[in-house]
Protein backbone atom coordinates (compact mmCIF):
# COMPACT_ATOMS: atom_id res chain seq x y z
CA MET A 1 1.99 4.88 -9.73
CA ARG A 2 -1.51 2.97 -8.53
CA ASN A 3 -0.21 4.54 -4.69
CA ASN A 4 0.24 8.08 -6.39
CA THR A 5 -2.83 7.69 -8.11
CA ARG A 6 -4.72 6.35 -4.80
CA GLU A 7 -3.83 9.18 -2.72
CA TYR A 8 -4.75 11.86 -5.28
CA LEU A 9 -7.85 10.83 -5.39
CA LYS A 10 -8.46 11.06 -1.78
CA LYS A 11 -7.10 14.16 -1.16
CA ASN A 12 -8.69 15.49 -3.99
CA GLY A 13 -12.57 14.50 -3.72
CA HIS A 14 -13.54 17.75 -5.15
CA LYS A 15 -12.05 19.10 -7.83
CA SER A 16 -13.10 19.51 -11.76
CA PRO A 17 -12.88 17.11 -14.24
CA GLN A 18 -10.66 19.45 -15.83
CA VAL A 19 -7.94 19.97 -13.41
CA LEU A 20 -8.37 16.19 -12.02
CA THR A 21 -7.77 15.54 -15.93
CA LYS A 22 -5.11 17.86 -15.93
CA ASN A 23 -3.28 16.09 -12.94
CA LEU A 24 -3.90 12.64 -14.08
CA ASN A 25 -2.21 13.28 -17.18
CA ALA A 26 1.01 14.81 -15.61
CA LYS A 27 1.20 11.39 -13.64
CA ILE A 28 0.01 9.28 -16.27
CA ARG A 29 2.62 10.63 -18.71
CA GLY A 30 5.52 10.67 -16.40
CA TRP A 31 4.71 7.17 -15.91
CA ILE A 32 4.65 5.63 -19.37
CA ASN A 33 7.79 8.15 -20.14
CA TYR A 34 9.65 6.29 -17.44
CA PHE A 35 8.87 2.89 -17.79
CA THR A 36 8.33 2.83 -21.62
CA ILE A 37 11.59 0.72 -22.78
CA PRO A 38 11.52 0.80 -26.88
CA THR A 39 11.17 -2.90 -28.32
CA VAL A 40 10.01 -4.74 -25.22
CA SER A 41 6.68 -5.77 -25.01
CA TYR A 42 5.71 -6.27 -21.19
CA PRO A 43 5.03 -2.43 -21.07
CA ALA A 44 1.44 -3.11 -22.79
CA LYS A 45 0.78 -5.39 -20.25
CA ALA A 46 1.34 -2.88 -17.72
CA LYS A 47 -0.36 -0.02 -19.80
CA ARG A 48 -3.54 -2.11 -19.94
CA ASN A 49 -3.49 -2.82 -16.20
CA MET A 50 -2.92 0.80 -15.38
CA ARG A 51 -5.72 1.56 -17.80
CA TYR A 52 -8.13 -1.11 -15.87
CA TYR A 53 -7.05 0.44 -12.86
CA LEU A 54 -7.60 4.17 -13.41
CA ASP A 55 -11.19 3.29 -14.74
CA LYS A 56 -12.16 1.01 -11.62
CA LYS A 57 -10.55 3.73 -8.89
CA LEU A 58 -12.34 6.95 -11.20
CA ARG A 59 -15.75 5.07 -11.04
CA GLN A 60 -15.30 4.95 -7.47
CA TYR A 61 -14.53 8.40 -6.98
CA TYR A 62 -17.28 9.52 -8.74
CA LYS A 63 -19.62 7.44 -6.85
CA ARG A 64 -19.32 8.69 -3.69
CA LYS A 65 -18.90 12.75 -4.95
CA SER A 66 -22.01 13.14 -3.15
CA GLN A 67 -25.58 10.98 -1.76
CA ARG A 68 -26.49 11.23 -5.55
CA ARG A 69 -24.20 9.77 -8.12
CA SER A 70 -22.46 12.15 -10.19
CA LYS A 71 -23.70 12.27 -14.09
CA LEU A 72 -20.19 10.84 -14.59
CA TYR A 73 -20.72 8.31 -12.63
CA LYS A 74 -23.55 7.03 -14.40
CA GLN A 75 -21.69 7.61 -18.02
CA GLY A 76 -18.49 5.86 -17.57
CA ALA A 77 -16.74 8.42 -15.91
CA PHE A 78 -12.94 6.68 -17.10
CA GLN A 79 -14.32 6.89 -20.75
CA VAL A 80 -16.01 10.62 -20.55
CA LEU A 81 -12.26 11.92 -19.02
CA ILE A 82 -10.55 10.79 -22.00
CA GLU A 83 -13.15 11.49 -24.71
CA LYS A 84 -14.10 15.00 -23.42
CA TYR A 85 -12.07 16.07 -20.97
CA GLY A 86 -9.25 14.90 -22.48
CA LEU A 87 -7.29 12.56 -19.94
CA ILE A 88 -4.74 10.22 -21.18
CA ASP A 89 -5.91 6.69 -21.90
CA PRO A 90 -2.53 4.61 -21.37
CA THR A 91 -2.75 1.84 -23.61
CA LYS A 92 -3.36 4.62 -26.50
CA TYR A 93 -0.45 6.68 -25.52
CA ALA A 94 2.78 6.60 -27.31
CA GLY A 95 5.46 8.65 -25.45
CA ALA A 96 7.83 11.31 -26.83
CA ARG A 97 10.68 9.08 -26.35
CA THR A 98 13.76 10.33 -28.27
CA THR A 99 16.04 7.52 -28.98
CA VAL A 100 19.97 8.30 -28.90
CA LYS A 101 21.70 7.64 -32.45
CA GLY A 102 25.49 6.72 -31.59
């Protein structure tokens, strides 16, 4: 997931926050749904690590957008993208996994 996120941010340097959020949400949602195991606690640690990584990478992404720092950099890009643009917070996302009853 880290490599995938890094490559995406590297290749899409001038996307609007709406497009960036939409594409990152798809990646985050897919990763969480694939790796979430019911009644196992270690995915919570992985989600916290992913949240920290996204926060760091988005801060760097908006810091290098131009010679003058972006407004999102000054406001805390990760939190603004969550609140204003609907970015998924990995630690609070409850995937739509269904359990199979047999």
